[in-house]
Amino acid sequence: MKFISWNVNGLRAVAGKGFADIFAELDADFFCLQETKLQAGQIDLEFPGYTSYWNYAEKKGYSGTAIYTRREALSVTYGIGMKEHDCEGRVITLEMPDFYLVDVYVPNSQDGLKRLDYRMEWEDAFRAYVSGLAARKGVVICGDMNVAHEEIDLKNPDTNHMNAGFSDQERGKMTELLGAGFVDSWRMQHPGEARYSWWSYRMRARERNVGWRIDYFLVSEGMRSRILSTDIHNGIFGSDHCPVELIIKD
């Protein structure tokens, strides 16, 4: 069973850069998107054999998530059930027969950590949400989690310490989430490998591979043994992020 997650940083832009070909090439059972930056009706992008689900932010041109699936879901949930956190289109959950798939776009703390306090509240609420799901069945969480957890997860940890995405507080919340019973699938399989999934558009960062790994697949502890392979498709362009992949046993 193959999963792809990709922060497209504007789906309409990526649709004009070969998205349909990339979608076909990656051939996933579940293709999860973040930062679609859409409102309902702004794009008609469907694929034969797939059903799509969309969560739009109230603010135009901002945030947003989507899932394409060729496996039938038992149910779909938008948000985490808390009004104060559910207006930005950040979470979609598909209930499958033996697991939940959670597509998430975690809030960015922004320059100067202006939104860090909100981010901390959001992190606690999200952890409680996915922990509740994990009490019922397995969970696969994917998406742009806007944090490089360890120093190996970004090119320049020293000069980025306490910048958004590498603050002690954000890293601590990822540690708490993993401690609540989740496994970072890429790091489990590649304990010493530095690979990145996001590069700034500035200073030729991608060309020089000055990147961050902020896009994840986390699985609940009970699903650890089902992980077959993980990948980071850093040869695929179209966004400042690249797609990441997880394959698990059916």
Protein backbone atom coordinates (compact mmCIF):
# COMPACT_ATOMS: atom_id res chain seq x y z
CA MET A 1 0.00 0.00 0.00
CA LYS A 2 1.67 3.18 -1.19
CA PHE A 3 1.28 6.69 0.24
CA ILE A 4 2.62 9.95 -1.16
CA SER A 5 2.58 13.29 0.65
CA TRP A 6 3.48 16.60 -1.01
CA ASN A 7 3.26 20.24 0.01
CA VAL A 8 2.56 21.69 -3.42
CA ASN A 9 2.67 25.35 -2.32
CA GLY A 10 -0.25 26.21 -4.60
CA LEU A 11 -1.90 23.40 -6.54
CA ARG A 12 -2.93 25.57 -9.47
CA ALA A 13 0.72 26.52 -10.04
CA VAL A 14 1.92 22.91 -9.80
CA ALA A 15 -0.88 21.75 -12.11
CA GLY A 16 0.83 23.80 -14.81
CA LYS A 17 4.20 22.17 -14.07
CA GLY A 18 3.40 18.55 -14.85
CA PHE A 19 1.45 17.54 -11.75
CA ALA A 20 -0.71 15.05 -13.65
CA ASP A 21 2.38 13.29 -15.01
CA ILE A 22 4.00 13.19 -11.57
CA PHE A 23 0.76 11.86 -10.07
CA ALA A 24 0.66 9.04 -12.64
CA GLU A 25 4.36 8.27 -12.25
CA LEU A 26 4.19 7.95 -8.47
CA ASP A 27 1.13 5.66 -8.74
CA ALA A 28 0.05 5.88 -5.11
CA ASP A 29 -2.97 4.41 -3.37
CA PHE A 30 -3.20 7.61 -1.33
CA PHE A 31 -1.85 10.95 -2.59
CA CYS A 32 -1.99 13.62 0.11
CA LEU A 33 -1.46 17.32 -0.53
CA GLN A 34 -0.80 20.31 1.70
CA GLU A 35 -0.89 24.05 1.02
CA THR A 36 -3.28 23.68 -1.91
CA LYS A 37 -4.18 27.40 -1.58
CA LEU A 38 -7.62 26.84 -3.09
CA GLN A 39 -11.27 27.56 -2.54
CA ALA A 40 -14.02 25.20 -3.67
CA GLY A 41 -14.53 25.28 -7.43
CA GLN A 42 -11.19 26.89 -8.28
CA ILE A 43 -9.71 23.79 -9.89
CA ASP A 44 -11.06 20.72 -11.66
CA LEU A 45 -8.35 18.13 -11.22
CA GLU A 46 -9.65 14.60 -10.90
CA PHE A 47 -8.06 11.29 -11.89
CA PRO A 48 -9.76 8.08 -13.05
CA GLY A 49 -10.07 5.54 -10.27
CA TYR A 50 -9.53 8.09 -7.49
CA THR A 51 -11.89 9.86 -5.11
CA SER A 52 -10.73 13.22 -3.79
CA TYR A 53 -11.44 15.01 -0.52
CA TRP A 54 -10.68 18.69 0.08
CA ASN A 55 -10.41 20.89 3.14
CA TYR A 56 -10.26 24.60 2.31
CA ALA A 57 -9.14 27.47 4.52
CA GLU A 58 -11.63 30.25 5.12
CA LYS A 59 -8.90 32.71 4.09
CA LYS A 60 -8.52 32.80 0.30
CA GLY A 61 -5.27 31.57 -1.22
CA TYR A 62 -4.05 30.12 2.07
CA SER A 63 -3.25 26.70 3.55
CA GLY A 64 -5.60 23.85 2.57
CA THR A 65 -5.26 20.07 2.29
CA ALA A 66 -6.49 17.35 -0.05
CA ILE A 67 -6.37 13.57 -0.40
CA TYR A 68 -6.78 11.49 -3.53
CA THR A 69 -7.53 7.85 -2.73
CA ARG A 70 -8.21 4.81 -4.89
CA ARG A 71 -9.30 2.83 -1.82
CA GLU A 72 -12.75 3.42 -0.42
CA ALA A 73 -12.83 5.15 2.95
CA LEU A 74 -15.29 4.23 5.66
CA SER A 75 -15.60 7.89 6.65
CA VAL A 76 -13.93 11.28 6.20
CA THR A 77 -13.42 13.98 8.83
CA TYR A 78 -12.31 17.57 8.26
CA GLY A 79 -10.36 19.26 11.03
CA ILE A 80 -9.80 18.01 14.57
CA GLY A 81 -13.17 18.93 16.04
CA MET A 82 -12.09 22.24 17.61
CA LYS A 83 -13.51 25.38 16.03
CA GLU A 84 -10.55 27.55 16.99
CA HIS A 85 -8.23 25.24 15.03
CA ASP A 86 -10.41 24.21 12.11
CA CYS A 87 -10.78 27.36 10.00
CA GLU A 88 -7.49 27.00 8.09
CA GLY A 89 -8.15 23.70 6.29
CA ARG A 90 -5.20 21.96 7.91
CA VAL A 91 -6.39 18.39 8.55
CA ILE A 92 -8.26 15.65 6.69
CA THR A 93 -8.75 12.20 8.21
CA LEU A 94 -9.82 9.14 6.24
CA GLU A 95 -10.99 6.15 8.23
CA MET A 96 -9.93 2.93 6.52
CA PRO A 97 -10.83 -0.58 7.70
CA ASP A 98 -7.71 -1.06 9.83
CA PHE A 99 -6.17 2.42 10.19
CA TYR A 100 -6.78 6.16 10.03
CA LEU A 101 -4.93 8.31 7.50
CA VAL A 102 -4.36 11.87 8.75
CA ASP A 103 -3.16 14.48 6.23
CA VAL A 104 -1.86 17.55 8.08
CA TYR A 105 -0.37 20.95 7.35
CA VAL A 106 1.01 22.17 10.67
CA PRO A 107 0.95 25.95 11.26
CA ASN A 108 4.19 27.81 10.59
CA SER A 109 5.50 29.76 13.57
CA GLN A 110 6.50 32.57 11.16
CA ASP A 111 9.44 34.96 11.21
CA GLY A 112 10.38 36.03 14.69
CA LEU A 113 8.27 33.15 16.04
CA LYS A 114 5.27 35.51 15.93
CA ARG A 115 2.84 32.59 15.86
CA LEU A 116 4.69 30.28 18.22
CA ASP A 117 2.18 30.55 21.07
CA TYR A 118 -0.65 29.54 18.75
CA ARG A 119 1.53 26.77 17.30
CA MET A 120 2.04 25.33 20.78
CA GLU A 121 -1.71 25.28 21.42
CA TRP A 122 -2.29 23.67 18.05
CA GLU A 123 0.36 21.01 18.69
CA ASP A 124 -1.25 19.97 21.97
CA ALA A 125 -4.70 19.78 20.39
CA PHE A 126 -3.42 17.79 17.40
CA ARG A 127 -1.52 15.34 19.62
CA ALA A 128 -4.66 14.73 21.67
CA TYR A 129 -6.64 14.20 18.46
CA VAL A 130 -4.32 11.63 16.89
CA SER A 131 -3.78 9.89 20.24
CA GLY A 132 -7.53 9.43 20.45
CA LEU A 133 -7.55 7.88 16.98
CA ALA A 134 -4.65 5.58 17.89
CA ALA A 135 -6.63 4.26 20.85
CA ARG A 136 -9.11 2.81 18.34
CA LYS A 137 -6.93 1.53 15.47
CA GLY A 138 -3.66 2.19 13.66
CA VAL A 139 -2.79 5.70 12.47
CA VAL A 140 -0.71 7.02 9.56
CA ILE A 141 0.05 10.75 9.82
CA CYS A 142 1.54 12.52 6.83
CA GLY A 143 2.25 16.06 5.81
CA ASP A 144 4.28 19.20 6.24
CA MET A 145 4.87 19.33 9.97
CA ASN A 146 6.95 22.52 9.76
CA VAL A 147 9.74 21.29 12.04
CA ALA A 148 13.16 19.76 11.56
CA HIS A 149 13.21 17.47 14.57
CA GLU A 150 16.95 16.79 14.94
CA GLU A 151 20.10 18.51 13.78
CA ILE A 152 20.51 15.90 11.02
CA ASP A 153 17.20 17.10 9.58
CA LEU A 154 18.55 20.40 8.24
CA LYS A 155 21.74 21.54 6.57
CA ASN A 156 22.65 24.38 8.93
CA PRO A 157 21.37 23.66 12.44
CA ASP A 158 23.69 26.09 14.23
CA THR A 159 22.67 29.17 12.28
CA ASN A 160 18.97 28.22 12.34
CA HIS A 161 18.62 27.52 16.05
CA MET A 162 15.48 29.27 17.32
CA ASN A 163 14.32 30.16 13.83
CA ALA A 164 10.82 29.04 12.84
CA GLY A 165 10.88 25.29 12.27
CA PHE A 166 13.94 24.69 14.46
CA SER A 167 13.05 26.30 17.76
CA ASP A 168 13.47 24.29 20.94
CA GLN A 169 9.73 24.55 21.52
CA GLU A 170 8.73 23.14 18.12
CA ARG A 171 11.28 20.35 18.31
CA GLY A 172 10.04 19.55 21.79
CA LYS A 173 6.47 19.18 20.56
CA MET A 174 7.62 16.71 17.90
CA THR A 175 9.41 14.77 20.63
CA GLU A 176 6.18 14.76 22.62
CA LEU A 177 4.20 13.51 19.62
CA LEU A 178 6.63 10.68 18.98
CA GLY A 179 6.60 9.91 22.69
CA ALA A 180 2.83 9.58 22.55
CA GLY A 181 3.28 6.41 20.50
CA PHE A 182 4.29 7.38 16.96
CA VAL A 183 7.28 6.44 14.81
CA ASP A 184 9.12 8.69 12.32
CA SER A 185 9.18 6.16 9.47
CA TRP A 186 11.99 7.78 7.46
CA ARG A 187 14.32 8.18 10.43
CA MET A 188 13.57 4.63 11.58
CA GLN A 189 14.75 3.27 8.24
CA HIS A 190 17.53 5.82 7.61
CA PRO A 191 18.98 6.61 11.04
CA GLY A 192 22.12 8.37 9.84
CA GLU A 193 21.08 9.79 6.47
CA ALA A 194 20.66 13.52 5.87
CA ARG A 195 17.99 14.03 3.19
CA TYR A 196 15.77 17.05 2.79
CA SER A 197 12.23 17.71 1.59
CA TRP A 198 12.11 21.54 1.58
CA TRP A 199 14.45 24.21 0.26
CA SER A 200 14.07 27.98 0.41
CA TYR A 201 13.54 29.72 -2.91
CA ARG A 202 16.34 32.10 -1.91
CA MET A 203 20.09 31.86 -2.53
CA ARG A 204 19.89 28.82 -4.85
CA ALA A 205 19.17 26.67 -1.81
CA ARG A 206 17.85 23.70 -3.74
CA GLU A 207 20.66 23.77 -6.26
CA ARG A 208 23.12 23.70 -3.35
CA ASN A 209 20.96 21.23 -1.37
CA VAL A 210 20.71 23.56 1.61
CA GLY A 211 17.47 22.06 2.85
CA TRP A 212 15.30 20.88 5.70
CA ARG A 213 13.38 17.65 6.29
CA ILE A 214 10.02 18.93 7.49
CA ASP A 215 7.68 16.55 5.62
CA TYR A 216 6.95 13.31 7.45
CA PHE A 217 5.16 10.01 7.61
CA LEU A 218 4.53 9.04 11.22
CA VAL A 219 2.86 5.75 12.05
CA SER A 220 1.42 4.58 15.34
CA GLU A 221 3.64 2.16 17.21
CA GLY A 222 1.44 -0.84 16.43
CA MET A 223 1.99 -0.28 12.70
CA ARG A 224 5.79 -0.13 12.91
CA SER A 225 6.16 -3.73 11.69
CA ARG A 226 4.11 -2.92 8.57
CA ILE A 227 6.62 -0.35 7.25
CA LEU A 228 8.25 -1.73 4.11
CA SER A 229 10.01 1.30 2.63
CA THR A 230 10.29 5.08 2.72
CA ASP A 231 11.58 7.58 0.19
CA ILE A 232 12.13 11.29 -0.36
CA HIS A 233 11.68 12.20 -4.03
CA ASN A 234 14.07 15.13 -4.17
CA GLY A 235 14.40 14.82 -7.93
CA ILE A 236 10.79 15.93 -8.38
CA PHE A 237 10.28 19.67 -8.82
CA GLY A 238 7.30 22.02 -9.07
CA SER A 239 7.20 23.23 -5.46
CA ASP A 240 9.70 24.29 -2.83
CA HIS A 241 8.94 20.91 -1.23
CA CYS A 242 9.34 17.49 -2.82
CA PRO A 243 7.06 14.47 -2.37
CA VAL A 244 7.76 11.94 0.36
CA GLU A 245 6.70 8.31 0.27
CA LEU A 246 5.71 5.46 2.57
CA ILE A 247 4.93 1.86 1.61
CA ILE A 248 3.36 -0.44 4.18
CA LYS A 249 2.12 -4.03 4.15
CA ASP A 250 -1.57 -4.40 3.34
